Structure formats: C-alpha cells, structure tokens
Amino acid sequence: MFDLLITNAQIIDGTGSPGFHGEVGVRDGRIAHISQTLEAASNRDADAAHDDRARLTIDAHGQVLAPGFIDLHSHADFSVMADPAAQTQLLQGVTTALVGNCGSSPFPAKSVAQIQRDNAHLDAEFTGEWTGARGFSEAVEDAAPGINIALQVGLSSIRSYVMGPIDAAADSRQLDAMRSQVAAAAEAGVYGFSSGLIYAPGMYSQPDEVAALVAEAAENDLLYSTHMRNESHSLLAAVDEAIDAATVAGARLEISHLKAMGPENYGSPALALERIEKAREGGLDVKADVYPYTASSTRLTSRLPGYAMDGGQDALLARLADPGQRPKIAKDMAARFGKDIDPEGVVIAALGAGDTEDDYTWAIGESIAQIGRKVGCSAEEAAMRVLSAHGASVGIVNHAMDPEDVARVLSHPLVSVASDGWILRPEGEGMPHPRSFGTFVRVLGKYVREDGLIPLEEAVRKMTSQPAERLRMEDRGVIAQGKIADIAIFDAASVRENSTYNDPWQLASGLSTVIVAGNIAVKDGQVTGQRYGNVLRKR
C-alpha cells in the first residue's frame, strides 16, 4: 500500500521531456509508483477520491505535478533559524535551497554574534554557538527547517576567520589554513565552495589565492559557485578569471546570477554565454544561474570603493567619521556613479539599527539620489550619511539591468533558475526585493505562460534536474521511481507572483500542494505548519 497516491496529474518529470497524464505513488518518503493514465474528470469529493491502494489519495485535478524546486542560490542560511517554516519558499514550490553563496557562510566562526552583525542586511538571526560546518548544521537541524538546506562554505568567511577582514595578500601559512578550512567543511558534508569577489574581504583575494582554494574545493569534489569580481564594465574579464581558475583546478563551476549592470554593458551577457559554451567545448563543467528580474539586491557598502571596507564595518564607520578620509570616499563613489552605477536606481530596502537622532527609516523605498535631493546633498554623500546612521548595515535594491539580457540568459539551456533571496517569513519591515517571494512562480507565470519565452517542461528542468545535477544530488530533481518524494503541484494557468518592488510582502499563489520527503507541507494552497526539511550532507 502507498502512503500517498496522487492521481489525475499532468506529470512533468523535470528532465525536459513532454508531460503526460498520470499518477504517482509514494511510500516511505520515496516515489514508489508512476504510471500514465487516461485523463479523468476531477472528483472533488474527498471520500469518493479515496483509493484503496493508498492511505491517502490526492486528486490533482489535472494540475502539473513536478519535482520540488531546487534553489541553487539562496542566502537562507542566515534567516532559517529565525523563520524555519520557510513559507515564502514552500508557496513557490521550493523544497531545497543551496546556501552559503557569494562567499558568505555562517561558518567558520570565531564569533557567531559578529557574523550576525556583519550580515544584518540578510536578516541574520542565529540561535546557538558553533565554529564549523558541522556545528552549524546541527543548529539548523535543531530549528527543524520546513525545507531542505544544502550548505556551501564561503571564501569571505574563511578569509575573515583566518586573516580578519583586511586588505592583504595571504602568506603561505594563511593560505594553507584557508585550504584546511575548505577541506574541513567538505568533510562535514557541504556541497560547495563559494566566492563573492565584489564584497569585502573576498575582493581582497588575488586570482592566485582564489585559484588555490578552488583547487582544494575540486580535490574534495565541491561545486565552485562564484559571484564574480565584476558584473559591469569588466564582466567578461571576470568570467575569464572564473573559468581559468576552474579549468586549472578541474572544478565544476557555477557562475552565479549571470547579469550585466548599467546600460553601457547591456548585451555583454550574450558574450559571457559564448565564453561558457566555449569552455564547455574544452571540457570544463561550467553552467550558470539567473534570477528573473531587472534589479539586483545587495548591501550598500558594495557600492563603496574597496579600500573603504578594509578592516570591516567598524573601520568603515571610522573612515566615514574622519573629515580627512570622507571626501576621498565620496570622490571615488562619484566616479563609479559616472561609470556603471546609476544612483537613481540604488534604492534603500532595509536598515540596521539606527542612530535615534539621525534615523533614515523614512528613506526606505527612496533612491540615494532622491534622498540627496531631499536633504540637500549629493547622492554619494546621502549614501554615506545613511551608512553612518545605521551602523553600515544597509540593504539596497539596484535597478540596473536590461530585460532583454535577463530573457536571453534565462532561456539559455545551460542556465538554471535561482533566487538570490533570503526572506523566509511572510511579513516584515522594509521593502525587500520581490525575488524572495516570487522567483520560481515568476518564471512559470511571466516567462512561460504570458511571454512564451520557454516551454513549461524546460522551465521545470531549470528548477529541478539541472540544479540537482550541478550538486550531484542523485536522489532529487526528477519524478522517477526510487527518488525522494519532494513534489510541487501547481495550476499552470494561474500560478503567479504577487510580490512587487512597491509592495513586496506578498506570497505567491497557484501552488496547491507541496510535498517534502513524502510529507504534505502545503495543502490546498496553505502551509500546514508541519516542517519536514533536513540539512542535506554530501556523501
């Protein structure tokens, strides 16, 4: 007997193959039965829908049944302890998230409190203490997450642990210590090693240092995920750096959220894709991912010149308070604004704890250019004032990308869908990017149903089997016998995002049922409150 039988479903198995009408049986958390059946009239009478072959029967009413979606680029490791129910993810059909991206992971840690402070822009909130990946995994398991969490270890986190947040080249002893941290994380079961080379202190790592750590990751069969050194005027050079490091090391390479910022760089993602294709022809296992939006979201400090962050947030605040250093920072910011950052598009999304006498909460939703006009200063001065008033912890949404570039990257067969999000709770403060609430359903609603950019089967592949393949998760990502029963059931005609830039705190709609390891986590479009996720460990 099956524990669960789902009948009258349009099965899209995640491989990209055409869908078919059929049923799926689940036993002991795994898919035990798949068969093609004749399309039947939906029976909404719960008693009549009962099937003696199963303890519980769900009539899908002709809706799509797909593998649970796998988010290749999440920052939920910083928020899952505070919001383990992960409602924003389950209601998009996401059942697994790969975290530790952009070079930032909550481990290795000398001070969990300091990591929480440094990542306040990610709503970091932790319970417990740990040093390495194993301790962090146990803390997440204690929180009982609603979705599966797969870990990566970040370059910036390792560098801070070994060297501190300083702008300096690693010596041989420090490099060996960093390599040891990569190996230790791999031993604890992480899936990847990530870099964020536009963020301090990762930006202070020279290419040879990055390459050495990528080589260590490759030796431990870890995916190398990179937020590259540049996503604007030097995008192609950054792609080359990533490909070169992975090629020498023999690493699997995932280029995170492939995009180009700034109008003068529009069109360059197509050239980046050509480089990826050429590298694959040469034998490199390289792919990319993308979120389906024309705005990014990050920390405001990433728009400062790199030297400003040397030494960390406290050092930055001291520089901003120093009348001898502040003008130079302003000058260098202004130079960037004239090159590849439009201050009209840099919008304040979230603020850390503020100075009660100089609080910029009123400026949430305003661009730094707008703030400058309102308070009578330049955009760069406005940015520095907001940073100074809020402990250098300021989140932004940056409108800077070309819709045609986004569509071109999204439609490419080597590109997976990923959110770059972290918000798991259904309501809160600020004006965060809608990608935490709607990435996957936006693809299904806008780019599949409305725009016809990609077929439904291909969109599902980009969210399921392709991410699973990148992570070598052999038991997830497809609807097949023996696979873990992570399943999303949705109405292809109505699934949609409801979150917008102006009204972001809106949950997705159209997912009727979500199943995690054979257990019902979403029923009739509502999160049940039962949490069935786990911390996944690479075998």
Protein backbone atom coordinates (compact mmCIF):
# COMPACT_ATOMS: atom_id res chain seq x y z
CA MET A 1 0.00 0.00 0.00
CA PHE A 2 1.17 3.52 -0.77
CA ASP A 3 1.35 6.13 1.95
CA LEU A 4 0.19 8.66 -0.63
CA LEU A 5 -1.25 8.40 -4.12
CA ILE A 6 -1.58 11.45 -6.36
CA THR A 7 -3.96 10.87 -9.24
CA ASN A 8 -5.20 12.84 -12.23
CA ALA A 9 -1.97 14.84 -12.60
CA GLN A 10 -0.12 16.32 -15.55
CA ILE A 11 3.31 14.91 -14.75
CA ILE A 12 6.30 16.99 -15.80
CA ASP A 13 9.18 14.89 -14.60
CA GLY A 14 11.97 17.50 -14.57
CA THR A 15 14.03 16.03 -17.41
CA GLY A 16 12.63 18.37 -20.06
CA SER A 17 10.61 15.57 -21.64
CA PRO A 18 6.99 16.22 -22.63
CA GLY A 19 4.50 15.96 -19.82
CA PHE A 20 1.95 13.17 -19.56
CA HIS A 21 -1.22 12.48 -17.65
CA GLY A 22 -0.73 10.02 -14.85
CA GLU A 23 -0.43 9.16 -11.18
CA VAL A 24 2.37 8.95 -8.64
CA GLY A 25 2.54 6.73 -5.57
CA VAL A 26 4.73 7.47 -2.56
CA ARG A 27 5.95 5.02 0.05
CA ASP A 28 8.41 5.67 2.91
CA GLY A 29 9.22 9.13 1.61
CA ARG A 30 10.20 7.98 -1.87
CA ILE A 31 8.44 7.67 -5.21
CA ALA A 32 7.34 4.07 -5.49
CA HIS A 33 5.00 4.17 -8.47
CA ILE A 34 4.49 6.20 -11.66
CA SER A 35 2.03 5.32 -14.37
CA GLN A 36 0.48 7.02 -17.35
CA THR A 37 -3.30 7.07 -17.14
CA LEU A 38 -6.20 8.30 -19.18
CA GLU A 39 -7.28 11.81 -18.30
CA ALA A 40 -10.16 11.60 -15.88
CA ALA A 41 -12.74 14.04 -14.67
CA SER A 42 -11.66 15.57 -11.38
CA ASN A 43 -13.61 14.38 -8.41
CA ARG A 44 -13.61 16.97 -5.67
CA ASP A 45 -15.48 14.75 -3.24
CA ALA A 46 -12.80 13.75 -0.73
CA ASP A 47 -14.48 10.44 0.15
CA ALA A 48 -15.06 9.49 -3.47
CA ALA A 49 -11.43 10.31 -4.26
CA HIS A 50 -10.20 7.64 -1.83
CA ASP A 51 -8.24 4.83 -3.44
CA ASP A 52 -7.80 1.51 -1.64
CA ARG A 53 -4.22 1.37 -2.88
CA ALA A 54 -3.19 4.23 -0.57
CA ARG A 55 -3.67 5.54 2.94
CA LEU A 56 -4.20 9.00 1.47
CA THR A 57 -5.23 9.98 -2.05
CA ILE A 58 -4.90 13.42 -3.63
CA ASP A 59 -6.74 14.22 -6.85
CA ALA A 60 -4.54 16.77 -8.63
CA HIS A 61 -7.47 17.87 -10.80
CA GLY A 62 -5.26 17.96 -13.89
CA GLN A 63 -2.69 20.26 -12.35
CA VAL A 64 1.02 19.96 -13.01
CA LEU A 65 2.96 17.58 -10.79
CA ALA A 66 6.69 18.36 -10.84
CA PRO A 67 9.73 17.69 -8.68
CA GLY A 68 10.13 20.11 -5.79
CA PHE A 69 12.14 23.10 -6.96
CA ILE A 70 15.82 23.41 -6.00
CA ASP A 71 17.11 26.94 -5.44
CA LEU A 72 20.80 26.95 -6.45
CA HIS A 73 21.48 30.36 -4.97
CA SER A 74 19.94 31.20 -1.60
CA HIS A 75 21.11 33.06 1.50
CA ALA A 76 18.57 31.40 3.77
CA ASP A 77 21.37 30.07 6.00
CA PHE A 78 21.26 33.48 7.67
CA SER A 79 17.48 33.50 8.22
CA VAL A 80 16.35 29.89 8.60
CA MET A 81 16.85 29.72 12.38
CA ALA A 82 14.54 32.67 12.94
CA ASP A 83 11.99 31.60 10.33
CA PRO A 84 12.30 27.83 9.86
CA ALA A 85 8.79 27.40 8.44
CA ALA A 86 10.07 28.93 5.17
CA GLN A 87 6.61 29.91 3.99
CA THR A 88 7.87 32.15 1.19
CA GLN A 89 9.72 29.19 -0.28
CA LEU A 90 7.16 26.44 0.13
CA LEU A 91 4.47 28.56 -1.53
CA GLN A 92 6.72 28.80 -4.59
CA GLY A 93 7.28 25.04 -4.65
CA VAL A 94 10.86 25.26 -3.36
CA THR A 95 11.79 22.21 -1.30
CA THR A 96 15.61 22.52 -1.28
CA ALA A 97 17.89 25.57 -1.05
CA LEU A 98 21.64 25.71 -1.63
CA VAL A 99 23.04 28.30 0.77
CA GLY A 100 26.45 29.75 1.62
CA ASN A 101 26.59 31.74 -1.59
CA CYS A 102 28.51 34.89 -2.60
CA GLY A 103 31.43 33.92 -0.38
CA SER A 104 29.38 34.26 2.83
CA SER A 105 28.53 31.38 5.15
CA PRO A 106 27.87 31.44 8.91
CA PHE A 107 31.00 29.34 9.40
CA PRO A 108 33.86 29.05 10.11
CA ALA A 109 33.13 31.31 13.06
CA LYS A 110 35.16 32.80 15.86
CA SER A 111 32.16 34.89 16.95
CA VAL A 112 28.64 33.97 15.88
CA ALA A 113 27.47 37.36 17.17
CA GLN A 114 29.93 39.15 14.88
CA ILE A 115 28.82 37.14 11.86
CA GLN A 116 25.23 38.03 12.69
CA ARG A 117 26.13 41.71 12.89
CA ASP A 118 28.16 41.64 9.66
CA ASN A 119 25.21 40.08 7.82
CA ALA A 120 22.35 42.11 9.26
CA HIS A 121 21.38 43.08 5.70
CA LEU A 122 20.45 39.38 5.25
CA ASP A 123 18.22 39.46 8.35
CA ALA A 124 20.80 37.28 10.08
CA GLU A 125 19.45 35.87 13.33
CA PHE A 126 21.08 32.88 14.96
CA THR A 127 20.48 30.62 17.94
CA GLY A 128 23.34 28.65 19.42
CA GLU A 129 27.10 28.70 19.01
CA TRP A 130 29.36 26.86 16.60
CA THR A 131 32.73 27.05 14.92
CA GLY A 132 32.48 24.97 11.77
CA ALA A 133 30.04 23.47 9.29
CA ARG A 134 29.16 20.51 11.47
CA GLY A 135 28.11 22.67 14.41
CA PHE A 136 26.12 25.00 12.17
CA SER A 137 24.36 22.02 10.55
CA GLU A 138 23.31 20.76 13.96
CA ALA A 139 21.99 24.20 14.92
CA VAL A 140 19.86 24.34 11.76
CA GLU A 141 18.58 20.82 12.39
CA ASP A 142 17.59 21.89 15.90
CA ALA A 143 15.47 24.63 14.30
CA ALA A 144 13.56 21.98 12.29
CA PRO A 145 13.51 23.69 8.87
CA GLY A 146 10.50 23.44 6.59
CA ILE A 147 12.70 22.92 3.51
CA ASN A 148 15.93 21.09 2.87
CA ILE A 149 19.12 23.08 3.35
CA ALA A 150 22.34 22.21 1.48
CA LEU A 151 25.45 24.07 2.60
CA GLN A 152 28.43 25.72 0.99
CA VAL A 153 31.42 27.34 2.68
CA GLY A 154 32.30 30.88 1.65
CA LEU A 155 35.65 32.43 0.76
CA SER A 156 34.96 35.68 2.62
CA SER A 157 34.00 33.76 5.75
CA ILE A 158 37.12 31.62 5.57
CA ARG A 159 39.33 34.65 4.92
CA SER A 160 37.83 36.56 7.86
CA TYR A 161 38.32 33.55 10.11
CA VAL A 162 41.98 33.10 9.14
CA MET A 163 43.12 36.67 8.45
CA GLY A 164 40.43 39.06 9.65
CA PRO A 165 38.53 41.44 7.33
CA ILE A 166 41.69 43.09 5.99
CA ASP A 167 43.05 44.07 2.61
CA ALA A 168 46.23 42.00 2.48
CA ALA A 169 47.69 39.16 0.47
CA ALA A 170 47.60 35.78 2.17
CA ASP A 171 51.00 34.34 3.00
CA SER A 172 51.73 30.62 2.60
CA ARG A 173 50.74 29.81 6.18
CA GLN A 174 47.44 31.64 5.87
CA LEU A 175 46.71 30.06 2.51
CA ASP A 176 47.33 26.61 3.96
CA ALA A 177 44.98 27.45 6.84
CA MET A 178 42.28 28.53 4.39
CA ARG A 179 42.68 25.37 2.35
CA SER A 180 42.30 23.38 5.55
CA GLN A 181 39.01 25.14 6.24
CA VAL A 182 37.70 24.17 2.79
CA ALA A 183 38.69 20.56 3.42
CA ALA A 184 37.12 20.56 6.89
CA ALA A 185 33.83 21.89 5.53
CA ALA A 186 33.87 19.22 2.82
CA GLU A 187 34.42 16.55 5.46
CA ALA A 188 31.33 17.89 7.29
CA GLY A 189 29.20 17.41 4.16
CA VAL A 190 28.96 20.78 2.41
CA TYR A 191 28.15 20.73 -1.30
CA GLY A 192 30.23 23.65 -2.49
CA PHE A 193 32.75 26.41 -2.06
CA SER A 194 31.63 29.92 -2.99
CA SER A 195 33.23 33.28 -3.63
CA GLY A 196 31.85 36.81 -3.67
CA LEU A 197 34.63 38.81 -5.29
CA ILE A 198 32.83 42.16 -5.26
CA TYR A 199 32.45 42.02 -1.48
CA ALA A 200 35.00 42.64 1.24
CA PRO A 201 37.01 40.76 2.29
CA GLY A 202 36.65 38.38 -0.67
CA MET A 203 37.55 41.19 -3.05
CA TYR A 204 40.97 41.36 -1.44
CA SER A 205 41.76 37.82 -2.63
CA GLN A 206 44.01 37.89 -5.67
CA PRO A 207 43.34 35.43 -8.52
CA ASP A 208 46.14 33.06 -7.45
CA GLU A 209 44.67 32.82 -3.93
CA VAL A 210 41.19 32.14 -5.30
CA ALA A 211 42.60 29.52 -7.68
CA ALA A 212 44.37 27.71 -4.85
CA LEU A 213 41.15 27.46 -2.86
CA VAL A 214 39.19 26.38 -5.93
CA ALA A 215 41.78 23.62 -6.37
CA GLU A 216 41.14 22.49 -2.80
CA ALA A 217 37.41 22.51 -3.48
CA ALA A 218 37.93 20.40 -6.60
CA GLU A 219 40.05 17.88 -4.67
CA ASN A 220 37.07 17.47 -2.35
CA ASP A 221 34.55 17.23 -5.22
CA LEU A 222 32.83 20.50 -4.28
CA LEU A 223 30.99 22.76 -6.68
CA TYR A 224 32.64 26.17 -7.11
CA SER A 225 29.93 28.87 -7.10
CA THR A 226 31.10 32.38 -7.80
CA HIS A 227 29.65 35.85 -7.60
CA MET A 228 32.30 37.17 -9.95
CA ARG A 229 34.67 40.07 -9.46
CA ASN A 230 32.74 42.34 -11.79
CA GLU A 231 29.26 42.44 -13.31
CA SER A 232 29.53 45.64 -15.30
CA HIS A 233 32.34 47.04 -17.47
CA SER A 234 34.70 44.11 -16.73
CA LEU A 235 32.14 41.30 -16.82
CA LEU A 236 33.97 39.29 -19.48
CA ALA A 237 37.29 39.53 -17.67
CA ALA A 238 35.55 38.26 -14.55
CA VAL A 239 34.09 35.32 -16.48
CA ASP A 240 37.56 34.53 -17.79
CA GLU A 241 39.01 34.60 -14.26
CA ALA A 242 36.38 32.15 -13.02
CA ILE A 243 36.82 29.83 -15.99
CA ASP A 244 40.62 29.91 -15.72
CA ALA A 245 40.56 29.00 -12.03
CA ALA A 246 38.11 26.15 -12.56
CA THR A 247 39.93 24.85 -15.62
CA VAL A 248 43.30 24.61 -13.87
CA ALA A 249 41.70 23.00 -10.82
CA GLY A 250 39.35 20.70 -12.70
CA ALA A 251 36.46 22.09 -10.68
CA ARG A 252 32.77 22.18 -11.50
CA LEU A 253 31.93 25.86 -11.94
CA GLU A 254 28.61 27.62 -11.34
CA ILE A 255 28.54 31.28 -12.35
CA SER A 256 26.03 32.87 -10.02
CA HIS A 257 23.22 35.18 -11.19
CA LEU A 258 24.76 35.97 -14.59
CA LYS A 259 23.94 39.58 -15.48
CA ALA A 260 25.29 42.96 -16.59
CA MET A 261 24.73 46.14 -14.61
CA GLY A 262 24.43 49.50 -16.36
CA PRO A 263 23.19 50.47 -19.84
CA GLU A 264 26.68 50.70 -21.34
CA ASN A 265 27.14 47.00 -20.52
CA TYR A 266 23.86 45.73 -21.91
CA GLY A 267 24.39 42.89 -24.36
CA SER A 268 27.52 41.56 -22.66
CA PRO A 269 25.75 38.57 -21.04
CA ALA A 270 25.40 37.10 -24.54
CA LEU A 271 29.18 37.27 -24.89
CA ALA A 272 29.57 35.71 -21.44
CA LEU A 273 27.35 32.83 -22.53
CA GLU A 274 29.58 32.33 -25.57
CA ARG A 275 32.57 32.03 -23.26
CA ILE A 276 30.74 29.47 -21.15
CA GLU A 277 29.86 27.45 -24.25
CA LYS A 278 33.47 27.55 -25.45
CA ALA A 279 34.76 26.45 -22.05
CA ARG A 280 32.35 23.50 -22.10
CA GLU A 281 33.60 22.54 -25.55
CA GLY A 282 37.07 22.46 -23.99
CA GLY A 283 35.88 20.02 -21.32
CA LEU A 284 35.03 22.31 -18.39
CA ASP A 285 31.87 21.53 -16.43
CA VAL A 286 30.50 25.06 -16.23
CA LYS A 287 26.96 26.40 -16.11
CA ALA A 288 25.23 29.48 -14.71
CA ASP A 289 22.08 30.59 -12.95
CA VAL A 290 19.90 33.69 -13.02
CA TYR A 291 17.04 35.36 -11.22
CA PRO A 292 14.24 36.70 -13.47
CA TYR A 293 14.38 40.37 -12.51
CA THR A 294 15.99 43.55 -13.80
CA ALA A 295 17.05 44.70 -10.33
CA SER A 296 19.63 43.19 -8.02
CA SER A 297 19.73 43.40 -4.24
CA THR A 298 22.75 43.61 -2.01
CA ARG A 299 24.43 45.72 0.67
CA LEU A 300 25.05 49.43 0.11
CA THR A 301 28.69 49.01 1.13
CA SER A 302 29.28 47.11 -2.13
CA ARG A 303 28.90 50.46 -3.93
CA LEU A 304 31.86 51.94 -2.00
CA PRO A 305 35.48 51.80 -3.16
CA GLY A 306 37.09 48.60 -1.91
CA TYR A 307 39.57 50.25 0.45
CA ALA A 308 36.73 51.77 2.45
CA MET A 309 35.83 48.34 3.88
CA ASP A 310 39.39 47.36 4.81
CA GLY A 311 39.16 46.20 8.43
CA GLY A 312 35.39 45.66 8.45
CA GLN A 313 32.33 47.69 9.36
CA ASP A 314 33.81 49.46 12.38
CA ALA A 315 36.78 50.59 10.30
CA LEU A 316 34.40 51.87 7.63
CA LEU A 317 32.39 53.84 10.17
CA ALA A 318 35.61 55.39 11.48
CA ARG A 319 36.59 56.43 7.95
CA LEU A 320 33.18 57.95 7.32
CA ALA A 321 33.55 59.97 10.53
CA ASP A 322 37.03 61.15 9.54
CA PRO A 323 36.90 64.52 7.67
CA GLY A 324 40.25 63.65 6.12
CA GLN A 325 39.04 60.38 4.54
CA ARG A 326 35.36 61.00 3.84
CA PRO A 327 35.93 63.33 0.84
CA LYS A 328 38.09 60.74 -0.94
CA ILE A 329 35.45 58.06 -0.45
CA ALA A 330 32.83 60.44 -1.83
CA LYS A 331 35.00 61.29 -4.83
CA ASP A 332 35.62 57.64 -5.67
CA MET A 333 31.94 56.80 -5.27
CA ALA A 334 31.03 59.62 -7.63
CA ALA A 335 33.47 58.24 -10.20
CA ARG A 336 31.69 54.88 -10.05
CA PHE A 337 28.32 56.59 -10.36
CA GLY A 338 29.50 58.13 -13.58
CA LYS A 339 30.71 54.79 -14.90
CA ASP A 340 28.48 51.84 -14.08
CA ILE A 341 26.16 52.73 -11.18
CA ASP A 342 23.15 54.99 -11.55
CA PRO A 343 22.32 56.48 -8.12
CA GLU A 344 18.72 56.93 -9.27
CA GLY A 345 18.43 53.13 -9.30
CA VAL A 346 20.06 52.45 -5.92
CA VAL A 347 17.04 52.17 -3.62
CA ILE A 348 17.17 51.73 0.16
CA ALA A 349 15.44 48.45 1.05
CA ALA A 350 16.35 47.75 4.68
CA LEU A 351 18.21 49.43 7.51
CA GLY A 352 20.12 48.18 10.52
CA ALA A 353 19.72 49.64 13.98
CA GLY A 354 19.92 53.41 13.64
CA ASP A 355 21.07 56.49 15.46
CA THR A 356 17.91 57.81 17.09
CA GLU A 357 18.96 61.37 16.30
CA ASP A 358 19.67 60.69 12.64
CA ASP A 359 17.39 57.89 11.53
CA TYR A 360 16.73 57.28 7.83
CA THR A 361 13.80 54.91 8.19
CA TRP A 362 11.77 57.49 6.26
CA ALA A 363 14.05 56.87 3.26
CA ILE A 364 13.20 53.20 2.76
CA GLY A 365 11.94 52.93 -0.82
CA GLU A 366 13.85 56.05 -1.89
CA SER A 367 16.93 56.06 -4.11
CA ILE A 368 20.12 57.61 -2.81
CA ALA A 369 19.72 60.28 -5.49
CA GLN A 370 16.23 61.08 -4.19
CA ILE A 371 17.49 61.17 -0.61
CA GLY A 372 20.24 63.56 -1.64
CA ARG A 373 17.75 65.92 -3.26
CA LYS A 374 15.51 65.83 -0.19
CA VAL A 375 18.28 66.59 2.31
CA GLY A 376 20.28 68.87 0.02
CA CYS A 377 23.41 66.86 -0.76
CA SER A 378 24.93 64.65 -3.44
CA ALA A 379 23.93 61.02 -3.91
CA GLU A 380 27.28 59.81 -2.60
CA GLU A 381 27.00 61.99 0.49
CA ALA A 382 23.47 60.68 1.04
CA ALA A 383 24.75 57.11 0.86
CA MET A 384 27.46 57.84 3.41
CA ARG A 385 25.02 59.54 5.77
CA VAL A 386 22.66 56.54 5.67
CA LEU A 387 25.54 54.13 6.28
CA SER A 388 26.85 56.22 9.19
CA ALA A 389 23.43 56.46 10.79
CA HIS A 390 22.71 52.72 10.56
CA GLY A 391 25.91 51.01 11.56
CA ALA A 392 26.98 50.44 7.95
CA SER A 393 24.21 47.84 7.65
CA VAL A 394 22.04 48.98 4.76
CA GLY A 395 20.31 46.78 2.19
CA ILE A 396 19.53 48.06 -1.29
CA VAL A 397 17.62 47.14 -4.42
CA ASN A 398 19.56 48.25 -7.50
CA HIS A 399 17.60 48.76 -10.73
CA ALA A 400 20.24 48.42 -13.44
CA MET A 401 19.64 45.51 -15.84
CA ASP A 402 18.24 45.08 -19.32
CA PRO A 403 15.05 42.99 -19.72
CA GLU A 404 16.39 41.54 -22.96
CA ASP A 405 19.57 40.37 -21.23
CA VAL A 406 17.52 38.74 -18.47
CA ALA A 407 15.35 36.92 -21.01
CA ARG A 408 18.36 35.85 -23.09
CA VAL A 409 20.17 34.37 -20.10
CA LEU A 410 17.05 32.76 -18.64
CA SER A 411 16.22 30.99 -21.90
CA HIS A 412 19.72 29.54 -22.39
CA PRO A 413 19.79 25.76 -21.80
CA LEU A 414 22.88 25.95 -19.56
CA VAL A 415 21.23 28.34 -17.11
CA SER A 416 19.23 27.35 -14.02
CA VAL A 417 16.70 29.44 -12.11
CA ALA A 418 17.88 30.72 -8.73
CA SER A 419 16.56 33.39 -6.37
CA ASP A 420 19.50 35.01 -4.53
CA GLY A 421 16.90 35.54 -1.81
CA TRP A 422 16.84 35.01 1.94
CA ILE A 423 13.49 36.17 3.33
CA LEU A 424 11.53 33.19 4.64
CA ARG A 425 8.88 34.90 6.77
CA PRO A 426 5.61 36.07 5.19
CA GLU A 427 5.59 39.59 6.60
CA GLY A 428 8.02 42.13 7.95
CA GLU A 429 9.52 45.59 7.59
CA GLY A 430 11.33 47.39 4.81
CA MET A 431 10.94 46.99 1.06
CA PRO A 432 12.95 43.92 0.13
CA HIS A 433 13.45 42.58 -3.37
CA PRO A 434 10.47 40.50 -4.56
CA ARG A 435 12.74 37.62 -5.58
CA SER A 436 12.50 36.03 -2.12
CA PHE A 437 8.74 35.76 -2.60
CA GLY A 438 8.35 35.09 -6.31
CA THR A 439 11.36 33.94 -8.34
CA PHE A 440 10.11 30.50 -9.32
CA VAL A 441 6.48 31.36 -9.86
CA ARG A 442 7.52 34.47 -11.84
CA VAL A 443 9.28 32.21 -14.31
CA LEU A 444 6.20 29.98 -14.56
CA GLY A 445 3.72 32.86 -14.78
CA LYS A 446 5.50 35.53 -16.80
CA TYR A 447 8.18 33.83 -18.85
CA VAL A 448 6.31 30.58 -19.58
CA ARG A 449 2.60 31.40 -19.63
CA GLU A 450 2.49 35.09 -20.54
CA ASP A 451 5.60 35.65 -22.66
CA GLY A 452 6.05 32.15 -24.08
CA LEU A 453 9.81 32.53 -23.75
CA ILE A 454 10.42 28.93 -22.71
CA PRO A 455 8.24 25.81 -22.63
CA LEU A 456 6.89 24.69 -19.28
CA GLU A 457 8.88 21.46 -19.39
CA GLU A 458 12.12 23.40 -19.93
CA ALA A 459 11.33 25.83 -17.13
CA VAL A 460 10.76 22.94 -14.73
CA ARG A 461 14.05 21.33 -15.82
CA LYS A 462 15.86 24.58 -14.98
CA MET A 463 14.38 24.43 -11.47
CA THR A 464 14.81 20.72 -10.76
CA SER A 465 17.03 18.24 -12.57
CA GLN A 466 19.60 20.79 -13.71
CA PRO A 467 20.23 22.19 -10.21
CA ALA A 468 20.29 18.62 -8.85
CA GLU A 469 22.87 17.68 -11.46
CA ARG A 470 25.07 20.64 -10.51
CA LEU A 471 25.05 19.42 -6.92
CA ARG A 472 25.26 15.72 -7.79
CA MET A 473 22.08 15.12 -5.84
CA GLU A 474 21.20 11.82 -7.43
CA ASP A 475 18.05 11.22 -5.40
CA ARG A 476 16.29 14.53 -6.12
CA GLY A 477 15.26 16.69 -9.05
CA VAL A 478 13.20 14.25 -11.13
CA ILE A 479 9.96 12.33 -10.82
CA ALA A 480 11.24 8.77 -11.03
CA GLN A 481 10.91 5.58 -9.04
CA GLY A 482 13.19 5.45 -6.04
CA LYS A 483 13.72 9.21 -5.85
CA ILE A 484 12.90 11.17 -2.72
CA ALA A 485 9.32 12.42 -2.93
CA ASP A 486 9.87 16.17 -2.99
CA ILE A 487 6.93 17.26 -5.15
CA ALA A 488 5.25 20.50 -6.23
CA ILE A 489 1.70 20.54 -7.61
CA PHE A 490 0.53 23.75 -9.26
CA ASP A 491 -2.03 25.20 -11.62
CA ALA A 492 -0.09 26.25 -14.73
CA ALA A 493 -2.93 28.59 -15.72
CA SER A 494 -2.90 30.62 -12.52
CA VAL A 495 0.46 30.24 -10.75
CA ARG A 496 1.90 33.69 -10.21
CA GLU A 497 3.99 36.02 -8.13
CA ASN A 498 2.16 38.69 -6.17
CA SER A 499 5.18 40.46 -4.73
CA THR A 500 6.28 43.72 -6.39
CA TYR A 501 9.03 46.25 -5.76
CA ASN A 502 6.48 48.65 -4.25
CA ASP A 503 4.56 46.02 -2.32
CA PRO A 504 6.97 43.15 -1.72
CA TRP A 505 5.44 41.38 1.27
CA GLN A 506 3.05 39.25 -0.79
CA LEU A 507 3.15 35.48 -1.01
CA ALA A 508 2.98 33.55 -4.27
CA SER A 509 -0.20 31.82 -5.38
CA GLY A 510 -1.04 28.82 -7.54
CA LEU A 511 0.78 26.07 -5.62
CA SER A 512 -1.92 23.79 -4.25
CA THR A 513 0.25 21.06 -2.75
CA VAL A 514 3.91 20.79 -1.80
CA ILE A 515 5.37 17.56 -0.51
CA VAL A 516 8.72 17.25 1.29
CA ALA A 517 10.10 13.72 1.57
CA GLY A 518 6.61 12.29 1.19
CA ASN A 519 5.02 14.61 3.75
CA ILE A 520 2.47 17.29 2.95
CA ALA A 521 3.88 20.73 3.74
CA VAL A 522 1.38 22.75 1.69
CA LYS A 523 -2.25 21.66 1.41
CA ASP A 524 -4.94 23.46 -0.56
CA GLY A 525 -2.56 26.39 -1.07
CA GLN A 526 -1.83 26.83 2.63
CA VAL A 527 1.32 25.99 4.57
CA THR A 528 0.39 23.26 7.05
CA GLY A 529 2.90 24.33 9.69
CA GLN A 530 4.46 20.89 9.80
CA ARG A 531 8.19 21.04 8.98
CA TYR A 532 9.85 18.17 7.17
CA GLY A 533 13.11 19.59 5.84
CA ASN A 534 16.61 18.43 6.70
CA VAL A 535 20.18 19.61 6.41
CA LEU A 536 21.45 17.63 3.43
CA ARG A 537 25.01 16.35 3.57
CA LYS A 538 27.03 15.47 0.52
CA ARG A 539 28.02 11.83 0.52
